[in-house]
Amino acid sequence: MEDKSRYIFEHEEDKKGLCEILCYALQGTYAGDVLSGMEYVKDDNGLEIVSVRYHGGGEKKINVTGDSGATMLKDILVGLGY
């Protein structure tokens, strides 16, 4: 059997992809149909921010610095009030 724990620590999670998937999933709900997009950005200083854009031009920034992929998803949902 392959040791998967080694894989976890050698590869970084695809946080950008996770944001895209979450946005798509939320857009399929009544509560999330106001979302126009989500973007994950990590700057040169290591700050990780998810920018959530709304139809009509609004935007919300959620700090996800240091989060694992699963924790990032939870923090986005909490940040959006779900």
PDB file of N, CA and C in Angstrom:
ATOM      1  N   MET A   1       0.842  -1.179   0.000  1.00  0.00           N
ATOM      2  CA  MET A   1       0.000   0.000   0.000  1.00  0.00           C
ATOM      3  C   MET A   1       0.888   1.244   0.000  1.00  0.00           C
ATOM      4  N   GLU A   2       0.522   2.234  -0.814  1.00  0.00           N
ATOM      5  CA  GLU A   2       1.293   3.466  -0.951  1.00  0.00           C
ATOM      6  C   GLU A   2       1.120   4.341   0.285  1.00  0.00           C
ATOM      7  N   ASP A   3       2.233   4.946   0.744  1.00  0.00           N
ATOM      8  CA  ASP A   3       2.204   5.851   1.893  1.00  0.00           C
ATOM      9  C   ASP A   3       1.775   7.238   1.425  1.00  0.00           C
ATOM     10  N   LYS A   4       0.520   7.599   1.680  1.00  0.00           N
ATOM     11  CA  LYS A   4      -0.031   8.883   1.226  1.00  0.00           C
ATOM     12  C   LYS A   4       0.428  10.046   2.093  1.00  0.00           C
ATOM     13  N   SER A   5       0.851   9.820   3.327  1.00  0.00           N
ATOM     14  CA  SER A   5       1.262  10.924   4.197  1.00  0.00           C
ATOM     15  C   SER A   5       2.468  11.658   3.623  1.00  0.00           C
ATOM     16  N   ARG A   6       3.323  10.954   2.925  1.00  0.00           N
ATOM     17  CA  ARG A   6       4.488  11.586   2.305  1.00  0.00           C
ATOM     18  C   ARG A   6       4.053  12.554   1.202  1.00  0.00           C
ATOM     19  N   TYR A   7       3.043  12.169   0.449  1.00  0.00           N
ATOM     20  CA  TYR A   7       2.520  13.018  -0.620  1.00  0.00           C
ATOM     21  C   TYR A   7       1.973  14.330  -0.058  1.00  0.00           C
ATOM     22  N   ILE A   8       1.257  14.253   1.037  1.00  0.00           N
ATOM     23  CA  ILE A   8       0.632  15.437   1.635  1.00  0.00           C
ATOM     24  C   ILE A   8       1.677  16.493   1.969  1.00  0.00           C
ATOM     25  N   PHE A   9       2.797  16.100   2.508  1.00  0.00           N
ATOM     26  CA  PHE A   9       3.786  17.071   2.955  1.00  0.00           C
ATOM     27  C   PHE A   9       4.729  17.524   1.852  1.00  0.00           C
ATOM     28  N   GLU A  10       4.764  16.845   0.742  1.00  0.00           N
ATOM     29  CA  GLU A  10       5.650  17.236  -0.352  1.00  0.00           C
ATOM     30  C   GLU A  10       4.959  18.117  -1.380  1.00  0.00           C
ATOM     31  N   HIS A  11       3.657  18.217  -1.335  1.00  0.00           N
ATOM     32  CA  HIS A  11       2.907  18.980  -2.333  1.00  0.00           C
ATOM     33  C   HIS A  11       2.029  20.009  -1.652  1.00  0.00           C
ATOM     34  N   GLU A  12       1.955  21.176  -2.235  1.00  0.00           N
ATOM     35  CA  GLU A  12       1.111  22.234  -1.708  1.00  0.00           C
ATOM     36  C   GLU A  12      -0.315  22.043  -2.210  1.00  0.00           C
ATOM     37  N   GLU A  13      -1.276  22.364  -1.363  1.00  0.00           N
ATOM     38  CA  GLU A  13      -2.678  22.261  -1.768  1.00  0.00           C
ATOM     39  C   GLU A  13      -3.000  23.310  -2.832  1.00  0.00           C
ATOM     40  N   ASP A  14      -3.924  23.001  -3.710  1.00  0.00           N
ATOM     41  CA  ASP A  14      -4.334  23.909  -4.772  1.00  0.00           C
ATOM     42  C   ASP A  14      -5.434  24.824  -4.242  1.00  0.00           C
ATOM     43  N   LYS A  15      -5.039  25.850  -3.497  1.00  0.00           N
ATOM     44  CA  LYS A  15      -6.008  26.739  -2.867  1.00  0.00           C
ATOM     45  C   LYS A  15      -6.770  27.565  -3.901  1.00  0.00           C
ATOM     46  N   LYS A  16      -6.120  27.930  -4.969  1.00  0.00           N
ATOM     47  CA  LYS A  16      -6.805  28.662  -6.037  1.00  0.00           C
ATOM     48  C   LYS A  16      -7.922  27.798  -6.624  1.00  0.00           C
ATOM     49  N   GLY A  17      -7.612  26.553  -6.909  1.00  0.00           N
ATOM     50  CA  GLY A  17      -8.616  25.629  -7.441  1.00  0.00           C
ATOM     51  C   GLY A  17      -9.745  25.378  -6.463  1.00  0.00           C
ATOM     52  N   LEU A  18      -9.418  25.259  -5.176  1.00  0.00           N
ATOM     53  CA  LEU A  18     -10.449  25.057  -4.162  1.00  0.00           C
ATOM     54  C   LEU A  18     -11.409  26.237  -4.112  1.00  0.00           C
ATOM     55  N   CYS A  19     -10.882  27.463  -4.249  1.00  0.00           N
ATOM     56  CA  CYS A  19     -11.746  28.658  -4.268  1.00  0.00           C
ATOM     57  C   CYS A  19     -12.678  28.637  -5.464  1.00  0.00           C
ATOM     58  N   GLU A  20     -12.166  28.252  -6.612  1.00  0.00           N
ATOM     59  CA  GLU A  20     -13.003  28.189  -7.816  1.00  0.00           C
ATOM     60  C   GLU A  20     -14.125  27.167  -7.650  1.00  0.00           C
ATOM     61  N   ILE A  21     -13.796  26.019  -7.078  1.00  0.00           N
ATOM     62  CA  ILE A  21     -14.796  24.969  -6.860  1.00  0.00           C
ATOM     63  C   ILE A  21     -15.853  25.439  -5.856  1.00  0.00           C
ATOM     64  N   LEU A  22     -15.406  26.067  -4.760  1.00  0.00           N
ATOM     65  CA  LEU A  22     -16.349  26.558  -3.753  1.00  0.00           C
ATOM     66  C   LEU A  22     -17.264  27.615  -4.348  1.00  0.00           C
ATOM     67  N   CYS A  23     -16.701  28.541  -5.106  1.00  0.00           N
ATOM     68  CA  CYS A  23     -17.507  29.592  -5.725  1.00  0.00           C
ATOM     69  C   CYS A  23     -18.573  28.987  -6.629  1.00  0.00           C
ATOM     70  N   TYR A  24     -18.171  28.042  -7.458  1.00  0.00           N
ATOM     71  CA  TYR A  24     -19.104  27.377  -8.369  1.00  0.00           C
ATOM     72  C   TYR A  24     -20.216  26.683  -7.579  1.00  0.00           C
ATOM     73  N   ALA A  25     -19.848  26.002  -6.505  1.00  0.00           N
ATOM     74  CA  ALA A  25     -20.839  25.298  -5.690  1.00  0.00           C
ATOM     75  C   ALA A  25     -21.809  26.285  -5.044  1.00  0.00           C
ATOM     76  N   LEU A  26     -21.293  27.388  -4.514  1.00  0.00           N
ATOM     77  CA  LEU A  26     -22.154  28.381  -3.869  1.00  0.00           C
ATOM     78  C   LEU A  26     -23.077  29.067  -4.875  1.00  0.00           C
ATOM     79  N   GLN A  27     -22.584  29.300  -6.084  1.00  0.00           N
ATOM     80  CA  GLN A  27     -23.407  29.943  -7.114  1.00  0.00           C
ATOM     81  C   GLN A  27     -24.618  29.096  -7.484  1.00  0.00           C
ATOM     82  N   GLY A  28     -24.573  27.830  -7.178  1.00  0.00           N
ATOM     83  CA  GLY A  28     -25.696  26.942  -7.441  1.00  0.00           C
ATOM     84  C   GLY A  28     -26.748  26.946  -6.343  1.00  0.00           C
ATOM     85  N   THR A  29     -26.545  27.796  -5.313  1.00  0.00           N
ATOM     86  CA  THR A  29     -27.499  27.886  -4.209  1.00  0.00           C
ATOM     87  C   THR A  29     -28.215  29.236  -4.261  1.00  0.00           C
ATOM     88  N   TYR A  30     -29.355  29.321  -3.593  1.00  0.00           N
ATOM     89  CA  TYR A  30     -30.069  30.598  -3.528  1.00  0.00           C
ATOM     90  C   TYR A  30     -29.217  31.651  -2.827  1.00  0.00           C
ATOM     91  N   ALA A  31     -28.549  31.278  -1.752  1.00  0.00           N
ATOM     92  CA  ALA A  31     -27.743  32.237  -0.999  1.00  0.00           C
ATOM     93  C   ALA A  31     -26.511  32.695  -1.770  1.00  0.00           C
ATOM     94  N   GLY A  32     -25.968  31.837  -2.613  1.00  0.00           N
ATOM     95  CA  GLY A  32     -24.733  32.154  -3.305  1.00  0.00           C
ATOM     96  C   GLY A  32     -24.881  32.684  -4.711  1.00  0.00           C
ATOM     97  N   ASP A  33     -26.119  32.822  -5.182  1.00  0.00           N
ATOM     98  CA  ASP A  33     -26.278  33.286  -6.562  1.00  0.00           C
ATOM     99  C   ASP A  33     -25.920  34.756  -6.738  1.00  0.00           C
ATOM    100  N   VAL A  34     -25.597  35.456  -5.644  1.00  0.00           N
ATOM    101  CA  VAL A  34     -25.154  36.854  -5.713  1.00  0.00           C
ATOM    102  C   VAL A  34     -23.653  36.959  -5.990  1.00  0.00           C
ATOM    103  N   LEU A  35     -22.939  35.835  -5.929  1.00  0.00           N
ATOM    104  CA  LEU A  35     -21.492  35.842  -6.131  1.00  0.00           C
ATOM    105  C   LEU A  35     -21.145  35.848  -7.612  1.00  0.00           C
ATOM    106  N   SER A  36     -20.193  36.706  -7.982  1.00  0.00           N
ATOM    107  CA  SER A  36     -19.741  36.706  -9.378  1.00  0.00           C
ATOM    108  C   SER A  36     -18.381  36.044  -9.525  1.00  0.00           C
ATOM    109  N   GLY A  37     -17.646  35.884  -8.427  1.00  0.00           N
ATOM    110  CA  GLY A  37     -16.355  35.221  -8.505  1.00  0.00           C
ATOM    111  C   GLY A  37     -15.594  35.248  -7.202  1.00  0.00           C
ATOM    112  N   MET A  38     -14.544  34.447  -7.148  1.00  0.00           N
ATOM    113  CA  MET A  38     -13.655  34.346  -5.991  1.00  0.00           C
ATOM    114  C   MET A  38     -12.249  34.190  -6.506  1.00  0.00           C
ATOM    115  N   GLU A  39     -11.292  34.851  -5.857  1.00  0.00           N
ATOM    116  CA  GLU A  39      -9.901  34.736  -6.288  1.00  0.00           C
ATOM    117  C   GLU A  39      -8.988  34.609  -5.076  1.00  0.00           C
ATOM    118  N   TYR A  40      -8.144  33.595  -5.099  1.00  0.00           N
ATOM    119  CA  TYR A  40      -7.132  33.381  -4.058  1.00  0.00           C
ATOM    120  C   TYR A  40      -5.827  34.007  -4.528  1.00  0.00           C
ATOM    121  N   VAL A  41      -5.206  34.814  -3.648  1.00  0.00           N
ATOM    122  CA  VAL A  41      -3.930  35.437  -3.972  1.00  0.00           C
ATOM    123  C   VAL A  41      -2.995  35.310  -2.767  1.00  0.00           C
ATOM    124  N   LYS A  42      -1.762  34.905  -3.053  1.00  0.00           N
ATOM    125  CA  LYS A  42      -0.711  34.870  -2.019  1.00  0.00           C
ATOM    126  C   LYS A  42       0.369  35.847  -2.461  1.00  0.00           C
ATOM    127  N   ASP A  43       0.638  36.875  -1.630  1.00  0.00           N
ATOM    128  CA  ASP A  43       1.613  37.881  -2.037  1.00  0.00           C
ATOM    129  C   ASP A  43       3.033  37.470  -1.646  1.00  0.00           C
ATOM    130  N   ASP A  44       3.999  38.308  -1.973  1.00  0.00           N
ATOM    131  CA  ASP A  44       5.412  38.004  -1.731  1.00  0.00           C
ATOM    132  C   ASP A  44       5.756  37.892  -0.253  1.00  0.00           C
ATOM    133  N   ASN A  45       4.934  38.474   0.612  1.00  0.00           N
ATOM    134  CA  ASN A  45       5.162  38.408   2.056  1.00  0.00           C
ATOM    135  C   ASN A  45       4.467  37.213   2.708  1.00  0.00           C
ATOM    136  N   GLY A  46       3.761  36.413   1.913  1.00  0.00           N
ATOM    137  CA  GLY A  46       3.071  35.234   2.433  1.00  0.00           C
ATOM    138  C   GLY A  46       1.636  35.480   2.849  1.00  0.00           C
ATOM    139  N   LEU A  47       1.139  36.712   2.703  1.00  0.00           N
ATOM    140  CA  LEU A  47      -0.247  37.022   3.037  1.00  0.00           C
ATOM    141  C   LEU A  47      -1.172  36.351   2.016  1.00  0.00           C
ATOM    142  N   GLU A  48      -2.151  35.609   2.515  1.00  0.00           N
ATOM    143  CA  GLU A  48      -3.088  34.887   1.651  1.00  0.00           C
ATOM    144  C   GLU A  48      -4.484  35.492   1.815  1.00  0.00           C
ATOM    145  N   ILE A  49      -5.024  35.993   0.714  1.00  0.00           N
ATOM    146  CA  ILE A  49      -6.324  36.663   0.733  1.00  0.00           C
ATOM    147  C   ILE A  49      -7.228  36.053  -0.326  1.00  0.00           C
ATOM    148  N   VAL A  50      -8.494  35.865   0.030  1.00  0.00           N
ATOM    149  CA  VAL A  50      -9.508  35.478  -0.935  1.00  0.00           C
ATOM    150  C   VAL A  50     -10.396  36.690  -1.153  1.00  0.00           C
ATOM    151  N   SER A  51     -10.467  37.142  -2.397  1.00  0.00           N
ATOM    152  CA  SER A  51     -11.344  38.249  -2.764  1.00  0.00           C
ATOM    153  C   SER A  51     -12.624  37.665  -3.329  1.00  0.00           C
ATOM    154  N   VAL A  52     -13.728  37.999  -2.690  1.00  0.00           N
ATOM    155  CA  VAL A  52     -15.040  37.529  -3.124  1.00  0.00           C
ATOM    156  C   VAL A  52     -15.740  38.692  -3.805  1.00  0.00           C
ATOM    157  N   ARG A  53     -16.144  38.500  -5.052  1.00  0.00           N
ATOM    158  CA  ARG A  53     -16.812  39.550  -5.819  1.00  0.00           C
ATOM    159  C   ARG A  53     -18.296  39.228  -5.953  1.00  0.00           C
ATOM    160  N   TYR A  54     -19.091  40.289  -5.872  1.00  0.00           N
ATOM    161  CA  TYR A  54     -20.545  40.167  -5.966  1.00  0.00           C
ATOM    162  C   TYR A  54     -21.043  40.812  -7.255  1.00  0.00           C
ATOM    163  N   HIS A  55     -22.156  40.293  -7.768  1.00  0.00           N
ATOM    164  CA  HIS A  55     -22.843  40.961  -8.879  1.00  0.00           C
ATOM    165  C   HIS A  55     -23.222  42.349  -8.367  1.00  0.00           C
ATOM    166  N   GLY A  56     -23.004  43.351  -9.144  1.00  0.00           N
ATOM    167  CA  GLY A  56     -23.300  44.715  -8.706  1.00  0.00           C
ATOM    168  C   GLY A  56     -22.055  45.454  -8.254  1.00  0.00           C
ATOM    169  N   GLY A  57     -20.903  44.757  -8.184  1.00  0.00           N
ATOM    170  CA  GLY A  57     -19.638  45.425  -7.932  1.00  0.00           C
ATOM    171  C   GLY A  57     -19.063  45.349  -6.543  1.00  0.00           C
ATOM    172  N   GLY A  58     -19.765  44.815  -5.578  1.00  0.00           N
ATOM    173  CA  GLY A  58     -19.211  44.715  -4.234  1.00  0.00           C
ATOM    174  C   GLY A  58     -18.087  43.694  -4.153  1.00  0.00           C
ATOM    175  N   GLU A  59     -17.247  43.842  -3.135  1.00  0.00           N
ATOM    176  CA  GLU A  59     -16.139  42.906  -2.935  1.00  0.00           C
ATOM    177  C   GLU A  59     -15.870  42.756  -1.443  1.00  0.00           C
ATOM    178  N   LYS A  60     -15.518  41.548  -1.043  1.00  0.00           N
ATOM    179  CA  LYS A  60     -15.150  41.256   0.344  1.00  0.00           C
ATOM    180  C   LYS A  60     -13.835  40.511   0.327  1.00  0.00           C
ATOM    181  N   LYS A  61     -12.908  40.913   1.197  1.00  0.00           N
ATOM    182  CA  LYS A  61     -11.621  40.247   1.297  1.00  0.00           C
ATOM    183  C   LYS A  61     -11.580  39.443   2.593  1.00  0.00           C
ATOM    184  N   ILE A  62     -11.141  38.187   2.466  1.00  0.00           N
ATOM    185  CA  ILE A  62     -11.078  37.280   3.614  1.00  0.00           C
ATOM    186  C   ILE A  62      -9.638  36.811   3.767  1.00  0.00           C
ATOM    187  N   ASN A  63      -9.072  37.031   4.943  1.00  0.00           N
ATOM    188  CA  ASN A  63      -7.694  36.627   5.222  1.00  0.00           C
ATOM    189  C   ASN A  63      -7.674  35.134   5.537  1.00  0.00           C
ATOM    190  N   VAL A  64      -6.933  34.367   4.731  1.00  0.00           N
ATOM    191  CA  VAL A  64      -6.824  32.925   4.929  1.00  0.00           C
ATOM    192  C   VAL A  64      -5.364  32.511   5.120  1.00  0.00           C
ATOM    193  N   THR A  65      -4.533  33.457   5.560  1.00  0.00           N
ATOM    194  CA  THR A  65      -3.103  33.205   5.738  1.00  0.00           C
ATOM    195  C   THR A  65      -2.878  32.051   6.706  1.00  0.00           C
ATOM    196  N   GLY A  66      -2.095  31.081   6.265  1.00  0.00           N
ATOM    197  CA  GLY A  66      -1.728  29.950   7.109  1.00  0.00           C
ATOM    198  C   GLY A  66      -2.762  28.842   7.173  1.00  0.00           C
ATOM    199  N   ASP A  67      -3.890  29.009   6.514  1.00  0.00           N
ATOM    200  CA  ASP A  67      -4.941  27.986   6.561  1.00  0.00           C
ATOM    201  C   ASP A  67      -4.579  26.780   5.707  1.00  0.00           C
ATOM    202  N   SER A  68      -5.004  25.614   6.162  1.00  0.00           N
ATOM    203  CA  SER A  68      -4.996  24.439   5.296  1.00  0.00           C
ATOM    204  C   SER A  68      -6.131  24.623   4.295  1.00  0.00           C
ATOM    205  N   GLY A  69      -6.205  23.770   3.307  1.00  0.00           N
ATOM    206  CA  GLY A  69      -7.276  23.874   2.326  1.00  0.00           C
ATOM    207  C   GLY A  69      -8.655  23.787   2.955  1.00  0.00           C
ATOM    208  N   ALA A  70      -8.859  22.808   3.831  1.00  0.00           N
ATOM    209  CA  ALA A  70     -10.161  22.621   4.466  1.00  0.00           C
ATOM    210  C   ALA A  70     -10.504  23.802   5.373  1.00  0.00           C
ATOM    211  N   THR A  71      -9.531  24.283   6.132  1.00  0.00           N
ATOM    212  CA  THR A  71      -9.764  25.424   7.016  1.00  0.00           C
ATOM    213  C   THR A  71     -10.047  26.677   6.205  1.00  0.00           C
ATOM    214  N   MET A  72      -9.371  26.835   5.060  1.00  0.00           N
ATOM    215  CA  MET A  72      -9.623  27.979   4.194  1.00  0.00           C
ATOM    216  C   MET A  72     -11.082  27.976   3.738  1.00  0.00           C
ATOM    217  N   LEU A  73     -11.589  26.821   3.315  1.00  0.00           N
ATOM    218  CA  LEU A  73     -12.975  26.724   2.878  1.00  0.00           C
ATOM    219  C   LEU A  73     -13.922  27.114   4.004  1.00  0.00           C
ATOM    220  N   LYS A  74     -13.646  26.633   5.210  1.00  0.00           N
ATOM    221  CA  LYS A  74     -14.476  26.970   6.370  1.00  0.00           C
ATOM    222  C   LYS A  74     -14.421  28.467   6.641  1.00  0.00           C
ATOM    223  N   ASP A  75     -13.232  29.056   6.603  1.00  0.00           N
ATOM    224  CA  ASP A  75     -13.082  30.486   6.880  1.00  0.00           C
ATOM    225  C   ASP A  75     -13.780  31.347   5.830  1.00  0.00           C
ATOM    226  N   ILE A  76     -13.787  30.902   4.585  1.00  0.00           N
ATOM    227  CA  ILE A  76     -14.512  31.633   3.549  1.00  0.00           C
ATOM    228  C   ILE A  76     -15.997  31.594   3.845  1.00  0.00           C
ATOM    229  N   LEU A  77     -16.526  30.424   4.167  1.00  0.00           N
ATOM    230  CA  LEU A  77     -17.955  30.304   4.465  1.00  0.00           C
ATOM    231  C   LEU A  77     -18.341  31.156   5.670  1.00  0.00           C
ATOM    232  N   VAL A  78     -17.522  31.121   6.717  1.00  0.00           N
ATOM    233  CA  VAL A  78     -17.791  31.950   7.901  1.00  0.00           C
ATOM    234  C   VAL A  78     -17.710  33.432   7.542  1.00  0.00           C
ATOM    235  N   GLY A  79     -16.691  33.796   6.758  1.00  0.00           N
ATOM    236  CA  GLY A  79     -16.521  35.179   6.342  1.00  0.00           C
ATOM    237  C   GLY A  79     -17.690  35.703   5.514  1.00  0.00           C
ATOM    238  N   LEU A  80     -18.346  34.793   4.800  1.00  0.00           N
ATOM    239  CA  LEU A  80     -19.506  35.165   3.999  1.00  0.00           C
ATOM    240  C   LEU A  80     -20.805  35.102   4.787  1.00  0.00           C
ATOM    241  N   GLY A  81     -20.723  34.663   6.032  1.00  0.00           N
ATOM    242  CA  GLY A  81     -21.911  34.618   6.890  1.00  0.00           C
ATOM    243  C   GLY A  81     -22.736  33.363   6.777  1.00  0.00           C
ATOM    244  N   TYR A  82     -22.159  32.279   6.267  1.00  0.00           N
ATOM    245  CA  TYR A  82     -22.897  31.012   6.157  1.00  0.00           C
ATOM    246  C   TYR A  82     -22.649  30.163   7.364  1.00  0.00           C
TER     247      TYR A  82
END
